[in-house]
Amino acid sequence: MTGMPWGRVSVGGRDAATLLQGQLTQDVTTAGPGQAPLTGWCTPKGRLLAVCRLLAPAPERFELAMPAELTAEVARRLSMFVLRSQADVADEGPGWSSIVVTADTATAHGVALDTTPGAAVEVEGCWWIRLAGAPGHLQVLGPAPAVSALAPTDAAQVNRITAGLPAVYAATREAFIPQMLNLDAIGGVSFRKGCYTGQEIVARTQNLGRIKRRMARYVTEANTPLSPGDRLLHSPPADGTEATAGQVVDREGQDLLAVVALEHAGQPLYAPDGTRLAPRPLPYAVPELPGV
């Protein structure tokens, strides 16, 4: 695995933390030298514009790491909230990669960090970040050449799908609320911080128990041209009128993540071309999802 194309949006200045605290689902004060929490950025209707890693490489400086195809639009929209704040927002562009490895890979490279999800350490320009779930999974973010050199060659290694790592791409922007991507289950949402954009919808969904769809993991039984945003069916297609049961979140090889209606969770799904998708367990617990 050479790593997916990632980029960064930087936010710096005296008011950078205040600006981001009013926008992100995560408590910005949790980011620091030893923590790189997962976070989302929502519209006022609670729909995710991006899922990011919140990095704090220096005082009064934050970086939002995300798929490279999102950085220009995120920087543009985030700049609209600066107003009179002493904060600067910049699109740092592409050039980074993201891979997921096991804790053994970290040990082999002399990297040690806490077992708490979100625990992070920066080593030679690369961020090693502990993910939720067991056995230990770590996300490695950094300049593409450096990350590529760390990529494991063993095909049995975990990837971002088997690690249950959610993502938003251009094709799925504004398609999901945080709970649909399990952000509440893996520490990507703070329910104790103050107001932020979309907070009312996110909190109401959580407090009233109105979670109707969750992200689950699947494996395709054959090659099929599925991409983020594509619909999935609850039964083999017959005449093209079958009801949609889910939507693809991400894919790597034959592994997929999909947001699925809870009534179909734990059951096989089908691609529009008839390919069967078999359910597989996530490495972390999600209350509404059955064991697979």
Protein backbone atom coordinates (compact mmCIF):
# COMPACT_ATOMS: atom_id res chain seq x y z
CA MET A 1 0.00 0.00 0.00
CA THR A 2 1.53 3.31 -1.01
CA GLY A 3 -0.95 5.46 0.89
CA MET A 4 -3.87 7.53 -0.26
CA PRO A 5 -3.37 11.17 -1.39
CA TRP A 6 -3.84 13.50 1.56
CA GLY A 7 -3.38 17.20 2.13
CA ARG A 8 -3.71 19.75 4.90
CA VAL A 9 -5.48 22.96 5.76
CA SER A 10 -3.47 25.05 8.23
CA VAL A 11 -5.03 27.44 10.75
CA GLY A 12 -2.69 29.71 12.68
CA GLY A 13 -2.74 32.80 14.84
CA ARG A 14 -3.80 33.94 18.29
CA ASP A 15 -7.48 33.11 17.65
CA ALA A 16 -6.92 29.86 15.76
CA ALA A 17 -8.13 27.65 18.61
CA THR A 18 -11.24 29.79 19.16
CA LEU A 19 -12.07 29.70 15.46
CA LEU A 20 -11.81 25.93 15.23
CA GLN A 21 -13.61 25.38 18.56
CA GLY A 22 -16.67 27.01 17.04
CA GLN A 23 -16.56 24.82 13.94
CA LEU A 24 -15.35 21.30 14.70
CA THR A 25 -17.13 18.41 16.43
CA GLN A 26 -14.02 17.78 18.54
CA ASP A 27 -12.83 19.76 21.57
CA VAL A 28 -9.84 21.56 20.09
CA THR A 29 -8.13 21.76 23.48
CA THR A 30 -7.52 17.99 23.33
CA ALA A 31 -5.07 18.40 20.44
CA GLY A 32 -1.42 18.77 21.35
CA PRO A 33 2.02 17.19 21.11
CA GLY A 34 0.70 13.83 22.37
CA GLN A 35 -2.79 13.82 20.87
CA ALA A 36 -4.13 14.01 17.30
CA PRO A 37 -7.88 13.49 17.68
CA LEU A 38 -10.33 12.68 14.93
CA THR A 39 -12.88 15.37 14.18
CA GLY A 40 -15.61 16.36 11.77
CA TRP A 41 -16.68 19.66 10.26
CA CYS A 42 -20.39 20.01 9.61
CA THR A 43 -22.86 22.26 7.86
CA PRO A 44 -25.52 23.97 10.03
CA LYS A 45 -27.72 20.96 9.21
CA GLY A 46 -25.18 18.61 10.77
CA ARG A 47 -23.97 17.16 7.47
CA LEU A 48 -20.26 16.41 7.27
CA LEU A 49 -18.12 18.52 4.98
CA ALA A 50 -14.97 16.69 6.06
CA VAL A 51 -13.53 14.20 8.52
CA CYS A 52 -10.06 15.29 9.60
CA ARG A 53 -7.13 14.56 11.84
CA LEU A 54 -6.59 17.56 14.08
CA LEU A 55 -2.85 18.13 14.43
CA ALA A 56 -1.18 20.76 16.62
CA PRO A 57 2.45 20.89 15.47
CA ALA A 58 3.22 24.20 17.21
CA PRO A 59 1.63 26.70 19.62
CA GLU A 60 -1.19 28.68 18.00
CA ARG A 61 -1.01 26.48 14.90
CA PHE A 62 -3.29 23.65 13.83
CA GLU A 63 -3.43 21.47 10.77
CA LEU A 64 -6.50 19.63 9.49
CA ALA A 65 -5.30 16.56 7.61
CA MET A 66 -7.80 15.08 5.15
CA PRO A 67 -8.10 13.61 1.64
CA ALA A 68 -6.35 15.99 -0.73
CA GLU A 69 -9.41 16.49 -2.93
CA LEU A 70 -11.14 18.37 -0.09
CA THR A 71 -8.49 20.85 1.05
CA ALA A 72 -9.19 23.71 -1.37
CA GLU A 73 -12.92 23.80 -0.63
CA VAL A 74 -12.45 23.36 3.13
CA ALA A 75 -9.93 26.21 3.24
CA ARG A 76 -12.22 28.45 1.20
CA ARG A 77 -15.28 27.83 3.36
CA LEU A 78 -13.38 27.96 6.65
CA SER A 79 -11.90 31.34 5.68
CA MET A 80 -15.42 32.73 5.59
CA PHE A 81 -15.61 32.36 9.39
CA VAL A 82 -12.39 34.26 10.16
CA LEU A 83 -14.06 37.70 10.03
CA ARG A 84 -12.14 39.88 12.53
CA SER A 85 -10.36 37.01 14.24
CA GLN A 86 -6.60 36.98 14.36
CA ALA A 87 -6.35 33.74 12.43
CA ASP A 88 -5.08 32.72 9.04
CA VAL A 89 -6.42 29.80 7.00
CA ALA A 90 -4.35 28.31 4.17
CA ASP A 91 -4.63 25.36 1.83
CA GLU A 92 -1.32 23.53 2.15
CA GLY A 93 -2.26 21.43 -0.87
CA PRO A 94 -1.51 17.76 -1.53
CA GLY A 95 1.76 15.97 -0.93
CA TRP A 96 0.88 13.90 2.12
CA SER A 97 -0.19 10.27 2.41
CA SER A 98 -2.12 8.22 4.94
CA ILE A 99 -1.66 4.53 5.68
CA VAL A 100 -2.87 2.25 8.47
CA VAL A 101 -0.45 -0.20 10.08
CA THR A 102 -0.35 -2.51 13.06
CA ALA A 103 1.39 -1.71 16.32
CA ASP A 104 4.10 -4.19 15.30
CA THR A 105 5.07 -1.87 12.46
CA ALA A 106 5.45 1.00 14.90
CA THR A 107 7.60 -1.14 17.17
CA ALA A 108 9.78 -2.18 14.24
CA HIS A 109 10.46 1.51 13.54
CA GLY A 110 11.16 2.34 17.18
CA VAL A 111 7.93 4.30 17.65
CA ALA A 112 6.27 4.08 21.07
CA LEU A 113 3.07 5.82 22.10
CA ASP A 114 0.22 5.51 24.56
CA THR A 115 -2.53 2.96 23.90
CA THR A 116 -5.31 5.57 24.19
CA PRO A 117 -7.12 6.18 20.88
CA GLY A 118 -5.90 9.46 19.43
CA ALA A 119 -2.52 9.26 21.14
CA ALA A 120 0.09 10.55 18.72
CA VAL A 121 3.77 11.16 18.26
CA GLU A 122 5.60 12.96 15.46
CA VAL A 123 8.76 11.23 14.31
CA GLU A 124 10.85 12.64 11.46
CA GLY A 125 7.91 14.52 9.99
CA CYS A 126 5.44 11.63 10.18
CA TRP A 127 2.56 11.47 12.66
CA TRP A 128 1.84 8.07 14.19
CA ILE A 129 -1.69 8.01 15.66
CA ARG A 130 -3.41 5.30 17.67
CA LEU A 131 -6.81 4.26 16.29
CA ALA A 132 -9.81 2.87 18.13
CA GLY A 133 -10.08 -0.90 18.16
CA ALA A 134 -8.06 -4.03 18.81
CA PRO A 135 -5.59 -5.33 17.92
CA GLY A 136 -3.78 -2.05 17.86
CA HIS A 137 -4.12 -0.06 14.67
CA LEU A 138 -2.19 3.09 13.91
CA GLN A 139 -2.64 5.72 11.24
CA VAL A 140 0.54 7.20 9.80
CA LEU A 141 0.30 10.64 8.20
CA GLY A 142 3.09 12.62 6.63
CA PRO A 143 4.94 13.56 3.43
CA ALA A 144 4.17 11.01 0.74
CA PRO A 145 7.75 9.76 0.17
CA ALA A 146 8.34 9.20 3.88
CA VAL A 147 5.00 7.42 4.39
CA SER A 148 5.51 5.26 1.31
CA ALA A 149 8.80 4.08 2.74
CA LEU A 150 6.96 2.90 5.86
CA ALA A 151 4.14 1.10 4.03
CA PRO A 152 4.04 -2.60 4.90
CA THR A 153 4.38 -5.06 2.04
CA ASP A 154 2.51 -7.89 3.80
CA ALA A 155 -0.91 -8.23 2.13
CA ALA A 156 -2.36 -9.40 5.45
CA GLN A 157 -1.71 -6.02 7.05
CA VAL A 158 -4.68 -3.89 8.05
CA ASN A 159 -5.89 -1.03 5.89
CA ARG A 160 -8.15 1.94 6.52
CA ILE A 161 -11.22 -0.22 5.84
CA THR A 162 -10.43 -3.10 8.19
CA ALA A 163 -9.51 -0.46 10.79
CA GLY A 164 -12.98 1.09 10.41
CA LEU A 165 -11.58 4.55 9.74
CA PRO A 166 -14.32 6.85 8.39
CA ALA A 167 -13.77 9.27 5.54
CA VAL A 168 -15.57 11.93 3.54
CA TYR A 169 -14.73 12.55 -0.10
CA ALA A 170 -16.02 15.05 -2.67
CA ALA A 171 -18.63 12.50 -3.76
CA THR A 172 -20.00 12.13 -0.21
CA ARG A 173 -19.68 15.68 1.06
CA GLU A 174 -22.85 16.59 3.02
CA ALA A 175 -24.14 13.00 2.72
CA PHE A 176 -23.66 11.90 6.34
CA ILE A 177 -24.03 13.18 9.87
CA PRO A 178 -21.24 12.25 12.35
CA GLN A 179 -23.13 9.35 13.93
CA MET A 180 -23.62 7.69 10.55
CA LEU A 181 -19.82 7.43 10.27
CA ASN A 182 -19.48 6.21 13.88
CA LEU A 183 -17.59 9.34 14.93
CA ASP A 184 -19.40 9.33 18.26
CA ALA A 185 -18.27 5.74 18.91
CA ILE A 186 -14.58 6.37 18.21
CA GLY A 187 -13.98 9.68 19.95
CA GLY A 188 -14.56 12.06 17.06
CA VAL A 189 -17.35 14.06 18.73
CA SER A 190 -17.29 15.96 22.02
CA PHE A 191 -20.68 16.22 23.67
CA ARG A 192 -19.31 18.44 26.47
CA LYS A 193 -17.81 21.33 24.52
CA GLY A 194 -19.73 24.45 23.66
CA CYS A 195 -21.62 25.24 20.49
CA TYR A 196 -20.21 24.55 17.04
CA THR A 197 -21.66 24.54 13.57
CA GLY A 198 -24.18 21.70 13.31
CA GLN A 199 -24.06 20.97 17.05
CA GLU A 200 -27.82 21.19 17.57
CA ILE A 201 -28.54 18.44 15.03
CA VAL A 202 -25.68 16.21 16.23
CA ALA A 203 -26.69 16.54 19.90
CA ARG A 204 -30.39 16.01 19.20
CA THR A 205 -29.67 12.87 17.21
CA GLN A 206 -27.61 11.50 20.10
CA ASN A 207 -29.90 12.50 22.94
CA LEU A 208 -33.15 11.40 21.34
CA GLY A 209 -31.78 8.09 20.09
CA ARG A 210 -32.59 8.87 16.47
CA ILE A 211 -29.63 7.05 14.97
CA LYS A 212 -31.11 5.08 12.08
CA ARG A 213 -28.00 4.37 10.01
CA ARG A 214 -24.48 3.32 10.90
CA MET A 215 -21.22 2.64 9.10
CA ALA A 216 -20.44 -1.06 8.75
CA ARG A 217 -17.73 -3.10 7.08
CA TYR A 218 -18.17 -5.44 4.11
CA VAL A 219 -16.09 -7.60 1.80
CA THR A 220 -16.99 -8.01 -1.86
CA GLU A 221 -17.02 -11.54 -3.25
CA ALA A 222 -15.90 -10.35 -6.70
CA ASN A 223 -14.47 -7.25 -8.32
CA THR A 224 -17.11 -4.57 -8.74
CA PRO A 225 -16.80 -0.88 -9.73
CA LEU A 226 -18.03 0.56 -6.43
CA SER A 227 -16.86 3.99 -5.31
CA PRO A 228 -17.71 6.36 -2.44
CA GLY A 229 -21.28 7.58 -2.78
CA ASP A 230 -22.55 4.57 -4.75
CA ARG A 231 -25.76 2.97 -3.53
CA LEU A 232 -26.09 -0.58 -2.22
CA LEU A 233 -29.14 -2.84 -2.34
CA HIS A 234 -30.65 -5.21 0.24
CA SER A 235 -31.43 -7.91 -2.37
CA PRO A 236 -30.00 -8.99 -5.73
CA PRO A 237 -31.08 -6.62 -8.50
CA ALA A 238 -33.89 -7.84 -10.71
CA ASP A 239 -35.50 -4.96 -12.57
CA GLY A 240 -33.61 -1.94 -11.28
CA THR A 241 -36.31 -0.89 -8.81
CA GLU A 242 -34.76 -2.41 -5.68
CA ALA A 243 -34.70 -0.11 -2.67
CA THR A 244 -31.40 1.36 -1.53
CA ALA A 245 -30.16 -0.16 1.73
CA GLY A 246 -26.83 1.62 2.05
CA GLN A 247 -24.23 3.93 0.56
CA VAL A 248 -20.51 3.33 0.03
CA VAL A 249 -18.24 5.37 2.32
CA ASP A 250 -14.83 4.06 1.26
CA ARG A 251 -13.18 1.17 -0.50
CA GLU A 252 -9.75 -0.41 -0.69
CA GLY A 253 -9.46 -3.56 -2.79
CA GLN A 254 -12.31 -5.87 -1.86
CA ASP A 255 -12.88 -4.21 1.52
CA LEU A 256 -15.63 -1.62 1.88
CA LEU A 257 -17.16 0.65 4.46
CA ALA A 258 -20.80 1.58 3.93
CA VAL A 259 -23.49 3.48 5.78
CA VAL A 260 -26.38 1.05 6.10
CA ALA A 261 -29.92 1.29 7.45
CA LEU A 262 -30.02 -0.51 10.80
CA GLU A 263 -32.74 -2.91 9.67
CA HIS A 264 -30.25 -4.33 7.16
CA ALA A 265 -27.19 -4.29 9.44
CA GLY A 266 -25.45 -7.65 9.74
CA GLN A 267 -27.01 -8.88 6.49
CA PRO A 268 -25.41 -9.24 3.05
CA LEU A 269 -25.85 -6.33 0.68
CA TYR A 270 -25.60 -6.18 -3.09
CA ALA A 271 -23.98 -3.87 -5.59
CA PRO A 272 -26.17 -2.66 -8.47
CA ASP A 273 -24.35 -5.16 -10.74
CA GLY A 274 -25.41 -8.03 -8.46
CA THR A 275 -22.11 -8.54 -6.62
CA ARG A 276 -22.73 -9.79 -3.08
CA LEU A 277 -21.16 -7.95 -0.13
CA ALA A 278 -20.60 -10.03 2.98
CA PRO A 279 -20.66 -8.30 6.39
CA ARG A 280 -17.51 -8.29 8.49
CA PRO A 281 -16.89 -7.00 12.04
CA LEU A 282 -15.43 -3.62 12.84
CA PRO A 283 -12.51 -3.49 15.31
CA TYR A 284 -14.56 -1.34 17.71
CA ALA A 285 -18.02 -1.59 19.24
CA VAL A 286 -20.97 0.34 17.82
CA PRO A 287 -24.08 -0.02 20.05
CA GLU A 288 -26.64 -0.32 17.26
CA LEU A 289 -24.67 -2.77 15.10
CA PRO A 290 -25.07 -6.52 15.67
CA GLY A 291 -22.06 -8.74 16.02
CA VAL A 292 -20.99 -10.31 12.73
